[in-house]
Structures are given as structure tokens and as C-alpha cells.
Amino acid sequence: MRAIVSGDAEAFYAREIAERERSGLPPFGRLAGVIVSAATRAEAESHARALRRAAPEAADIFVLGPAEAPLSLLGGRHRFRLLVQGERRADMQGFVRRMLAEAPRPRGSVRVQVDIDPQSFL
């Protein structure tokens, strides 16, 4: 923040890149956002937890969550998010595809959205 306030863009970029590399965030790692939404909070949370349980074992990919999405109620739908993080060389699409295939199919009002390498987490 000090670098931004002082107008030192180079210092800001250098710190940001170093932190992203240390944390395994893009462009040094891969991310996938999985949003589960439903008419009720219980439906959304239940399906998000089922997705988490269905995640395959992988040495280079792990799943965080589920947790309520930052915009937890949008358009009358309750939303939960899982964040899938992996190494740069990880097969993120294959991992998410397997997780979705192993999980129970969404029922009722449940919807699942996947965003590989998301630009935003809202």
C-alpha cells in the first residue's frame, strides 16, 4: 500500500510478484473458482460440501472451502464458493471435471458454476 500511495509502481509490482510466487498464485500457479448457488442457504451449502468430499486426491492441487461467497445472496440465490489451487503444471480442468463427475448431480434449484483462473472472486 505504501508503494501505491507514494506512486512507486515498480516497488508495488515487485512485491506483488514476489508474494504471488511465494503463495503459488497466478501466474506461478493455477486457480479455479467453483460457485454453488441455490434458492436456500442449506441447499447451496450442502451441495458445496458434497463437491468438496468428491474432490479427487492430488499431490499438486488442493481445495479450500466451502465458504459463503463474498456476495452470498445474489438475485435471491444463496451462494457458496470453493477455491481450487494448484501448481502451474497441474491439470486443473481435469481435476475439476473429476470432482464434478464424482459429486452428486445438482438437484432442485442448485446450480454450479466453474471459473478456471478467475479474474474476480465476487
C-alpha atoms as a PDB file:
ATOM      1  CA  MET A   1       0.000   0.000   0.000  1.00  0.00           C
ATOM      2  CA  ARG A   2       2.850   2.354   0.768  1.00  0.00           C
ATOM      3  CA  ALA A   3       4.213   1.815  -2.733  1.00  0.00           C
ATOM      4  CA  ILE A   4       0.832   2.693  -4.254  1.00  0.00           C
ATOM      5  CA  VAL A   5       0.377   5.786  -2.081  1.00  0.00           C
ATOM      6  CA  SER A   6       3.906   7.005  -2.855  1.00  0.00           C
ATOM      7  CA  GLY A   7       3.381   6.380  -6.568  1.00  0.00           C
ATOM      8  CA  ASP A   8       6.177   3.806  -6.709  1.00  0.00           C
ATOM      9  CA  ALA A   9       4.599   1.404  -9.206  1.00  0.00           C
ATOM     10  CA  GLU A  10       7.802  -0.604  -9.662  1.00  0.00           C
ATOM     11  CA  ALA A  11       8.022  -1.376  -5.921  1.00  0.00           C
ATOM     12  CA  PHE A  12       4.356  -2.365  -5.879  1.00  0.00           C
ATOM     13  CA  TYR A  13       4.759  -4.739  -8.838  1.00  0.00           C
ATOM     14  CA  ALA A  14       7.945  -6.257  -7.411  1.00  0.00           C
ATOM     15  CA  ARG A  15       6.262  -7.009  -4.060  1.00  0.00           C
ATOM     16  CA  GLU A  16       3.094  -8.287  -5.694  1.00  0.00           C
ATOM     17  CA  ILE A  17       5.001 -10.657  -7.987  1.00  0.00           C
ATOM     18  CA  ALA A  18       7.126 -11.941  -5.092  1.00  0.00           C
ATOM     19  CA  GLU A  19       4.027 -12.579  -2.965  1.00  0.00           C
ATOM     20  CA  ARG A  20       2.213 -14.319  -5.825  1.00  0.00           C
ATOM     21  CA  GLU A  21       5.197 -16.577  -6.443  1.00  0.00           C
ATOM     22  CA  ARG A  22       5.534 -17.416  -2.730  1.00  0.00           C
ATOM     23  CA  SER A  23       1.779 -18.177  -2.497  1.00  0.00           C
ATOM     24  CA  GLY A  24       1.555 -20.133  -5.755  1.00  0.00           C
ATOM     25  CA  LEU A  25      -0.934 -17.678  -7.233  1.00  0.00           C
ATOM     26  CA  PRO A  26      -1.161 -16.863 -10.957  1.00  0.00           C
ATOM     27  CA  PRO A  27       0.964 -16.592 -12.983  1.00  0.00           C
ATOM     28  CA  PHE A  28       3.005 -19.014 -10.805  1.00  0.00           C
ATOM     29  CA  GLY A  29       0.091 -21.326 -10.003  1.00  0.00           C
ATOM     30  CA  ARG A  30      -3.442 -22.127 -11.084  1.00  0.00           C
ATOM     31  CA  LEU A  31      -6.820 -21.331  -9.537  1.00  0.00           C
ATOM     32  CA  ALA A  32     -10.384 -22.371 -10.153  1.00  0.00           C
ATOM     33  CA  GLY A  33     -13.419 -20.841  -8.509  1.00  0.00           C
ATOM     34  CA  VAL A  34     -16.461 -23.047  -8.031  1.00  0.00           C
ATOM     35  CA  ILE A  35     -19.684 -21.267  -7.079  1.00  0.00           C
ATOM     36  CA  VAL A  36     -22.672 -23.264  -5.876  1.00  0.00           C
ATOM     37  CA  SER A  37     -25.951 -21.363  -5.758  1.00  0.00           C
ATOM     38  CA  ALA A  38     -29.454 -22.387  -4.724  1.00  0.00           C
ATOM     39  CA  ALA A  39     -32.781 -20.984  -3.597  1.00  0.00           C
ATOM     40  CA  THR A  40     -31.937 -21.813   0.029  1.00  0.00           C
ATOM     41  CA  ARG A  41     -28.735 -21.455   2.010  1.00  0.00           C
ATOM     42  CA  ALA A  42     -28.990 -25.071   3.191  1.00  0.00           C
ATOM     43  CA  GLU A  43     -29.196 -26.439  -0.385  1.00  0.00           C
ATOM     44  CA  ALA A  44     -26.220 -24.377  -1.539  1.00  0.00           C
ATOM     45  CA  GLU A  45     -24.072 -25.288   1.454  1.00  0.00           C
ATOM     46  CA  SER A  46     -24.992 -28.968   1.297  1.00  0.00           C
ATOM     47  CA  HIS A  47     -24.071 -29.290  -2.369  1.00  0.00           C
ATOM     48  CA  ALA A  48     -20.840 -27.319  -1.885  1.00  0.00           C
ATOM     49  CA  ARG A  49     -19.833 -29.717   0.901  1.00  0.00           C
ATOM     50  CA  ALA A  50     -20.668 -32.699  -1.328  1.00  0.00           C
ATOM     51  CA  LEU A  51     -18.408 -31.256  -4.030  1.00  0.00           C
ATOM     52  CA  ARG A  52     -15.595 -30.882  -1.513  1.00  0.00           C
ATOM     53  CA  ARG A  53     -15.970 -34.507  -0.425  1.00  0.00           C
ATOM     54  CA  ALA A  54     -15.908 -35.618  -4.086  1.00  0.00           C
ATOM     55  CA  ALA A  55     -12.578 -33.894  -4.819  1.00  0.00           C
ATOM     56  CA  PRO A  56     -10.011 -36.440  -6.001  1.00  0.00           C
ATOM     57  CA  GLU A  57      -6.686 -36.899  -4.237  1.00  0.00           C
ATOM     58  CA  ALA A  58      -3.911 -34.918  -5.919  1.00  0.00           C
ATOM     59  CA  ALA A  59      -0.433 -34.010  -4.729  1.00  0.00           C
ATOM     60  CA  ASP A  60      -0.330 -30.764  -6.704  1.00  0.00           C
ATOM     61  CA  ILE A  61      -3.924 -29.479  -6.220  1.00  0.00           C
ATOM     62  CA  PHE A  62      -5.942 -28.749  -3.103  1.00  0.00           C
ATOM     63  CA  VAL A  63      -9.427 -27.416  -2.343  1.00  0.00           C
ATOM     64  CA  LEU A  64     -10.250 -24.592   0.055  1.00  0.00           C
ATOM     65  CA  GLY A  65     -13.767 -24.201   1.417  1.00  0.00           C
ATOM     66  CA  PRO A  66     -16.607 -24.241   1.025  1.00  0.00           C
ATOM     67  CA  ALA A  67     -17.311 -20.810   2.431  1.00  0.00           C
ATOM     68  CA  GLU A  68     -20.023 -18.286   1.767  1.00  0.00           C
ATOM     69  CA  ALA A  69     -19.214 -16.300  -1.361  1.00  0.00           C
ATOM     70  CA  PRO A  70     -18.362 -12.608  -0.852  1.00  0.00           C
ATOM     71  CA  LEU A  71     -21.736 -11.815  -2.441  1.00  0.00           C
ATOM     72  CA  SER A  72     -23.524 -14.550  -0.516  1.00  0.00           C
ATOM     73  CA  LEU A  73     -27.012 -13.605  -1.683  1.00  0.00           C
ATOM     74  CA  LEU A  74     -27.313 -12.532  -5.294  1.00  0.00           C
ATOM     75  CA  GLY A  75     -30.533 -12.399  -7.272  1.00  0.00           C
ATOM     76  CA  GLY A  76     -32.370 -14.188  -4.482  1.00  0.00           C
ATOM     77  CA  ARG A  77     -29.918 -17.120  -4.627  1.00  0.00           C
ATOM     78  CA  HIS A  78     -27.612 -18.190  -1.796  1.00  0.00           C
ATOM     79  CA  ARG A  79     -24.011 -18.754  -2.874  1.00  0.00           C
ATOM     80  CA  PHE A  80     -21.078 -20.798  -1.554  1.00  0.00           C
ATOM     81  CA  ARG A  81     -17.584 -20.877  -3.037  1.00  0.00           C
ATOM     82  CA  LEU A  82     -14.812 -23.427  -3.249  1.00  0.00           C
ATOM     83  CA  LEU A  83     -11.357 -22.355  -4.352  1.00  0.00           C
ATOM     84  CA  VAL A  84      -9.176 -24.935  -6.070  1.00  0.00           C
ATOM     85  CA  GLN A  85      -5.467 -24.079  -6.058  1.00  0.00           C
ATOM     86  CA  GLY A  86      -2.708 -25.936  -7.819  1.00  0.00           C
ATOM     87  CA  GLU A  87       0.778 -25.781  -9.205  1.00  0.00           C
ATOM     88  CA  ARG A  88       1.281 -24.208 -12.615  1.00  0.00           C
ATOM     89  CA  ARG A  89       1.689 -27.564 -14.340  1.00  0.00           C
ATOM     90  CA  ALA A  90      -1.383 -29.060 -12.609  1.00  0.00           C
ATOM     91  CA  ASP A  91      -4.271 -30.345 -14.724  1.00  0.00           C
ATOM     92  CA  MET A  92      -6.825 -28.002 -13.175  1.00  0.00           C
ATOM     93  CA  GLN A  93      -9.556 -28.694 -15.730  1.00  0.00           C
ATOM     94  CA  GLY A  94      -9.177 -32.447 -15.346  1.00  0.00           C
ATOM     95  CA  PHE A  95      -9.269 -32.201 -11.558  1.00  0.00           C
ATOM     96  CA  VAL A  96     -12.445 -30.091 -11.558  1.00  0.00           C
ATOM     97  CA  ARG A  97     -14.039 -32.335 -14.185  1.00  0.00           C
ATOM     98  CA  ARG A  98     -13.389 -35.415 -11.999  1.00  0.00           C
ATOM     99  CA  MET A  99     -14.703 -33.630  -8.894  1.00  0.00           C
ATOM    100  CA  LEU A 100     -17.940 -32.684 -10.665  1.00  0.00           C
ATOM    101  CA  ALA A 101     -18.359 -36.202 -12.081  1.00  0.00           C
ATOM    102  CA  GLU A 102     -17.911 -37.849  -8.651  1.00  0.00           C
ATOM    103  CA  ALA A 103     -20.241 -35.464  -6.804  1.00  0.00           C
ATOM    104  CA  PRO A 104     -23.997 -35.945  -6.681  1.00  0.00           C
ATOM    105  CA  ARG A 105     -25.784 -34.251  -9.550  1.00  0.00           C
ATOM    106  CA  PRO A 106     -27.256 -30.870  -8.659  1.00  0.00           C
ATOM    107  CA  ARG A 107     -30.938 -31.240  -7.751  1.00  0.00           C
ATOM    108  CA  GLY A 108     -33.769 -28.792  -7.389  1.00  0.00           C
ATOM    109  CA  SER A 109     -32.618 -25.201  -7.603  1.00  0.00           C
ATOM    110  CA  VAL A 110     -28.894 -25.986  -7.242  1.00  0.00           C
ATOM    111  CA  ARG A 111     -26.536 -24.593  -9.889  1.00  0.00           C
ATOM    112  CA  VAL A 112     -22.762 -24.977 -10.154  1.00  0.00           C
ATOM    113  CA  GLN A 113     -20.506 -22.518 -11.988  1.00  0.00           C
ATOM    114  CA  VAL A 114     -16.794 -23.048 -12.608  1.00  0.00           C
ATOM    115  CA  ASP A 115     -14.288 -20.350 -13.486  1.00  0.00           C
ATOM    116  CA  ILE A 116     -10.761 -21.501 -14.327  1.00  0.00           C
ATOM    117  CA  ASP A 117      -8.128 -18.868 -13.498  1.00  0.00           C
ATOM    118  CA  PRO A 118     -10.782 -16.318 -12.407  1.00  0.00           C
ATOM    119  CA  GLN A 119     -10.243 -12.593 -12.784  1.00  0.00           C
ATOM    120  CA  SER A 120     -12.514 -11.837  -9.808  1.00  0.00           C
ATOM    121  CA  PHE A 121     -13.658 -13.625  -6.665  1.00  0.00           C
ATOM    122  CA  LEU A 122     -17.029 -11.971  -6.235  1.00  0.00           C
END
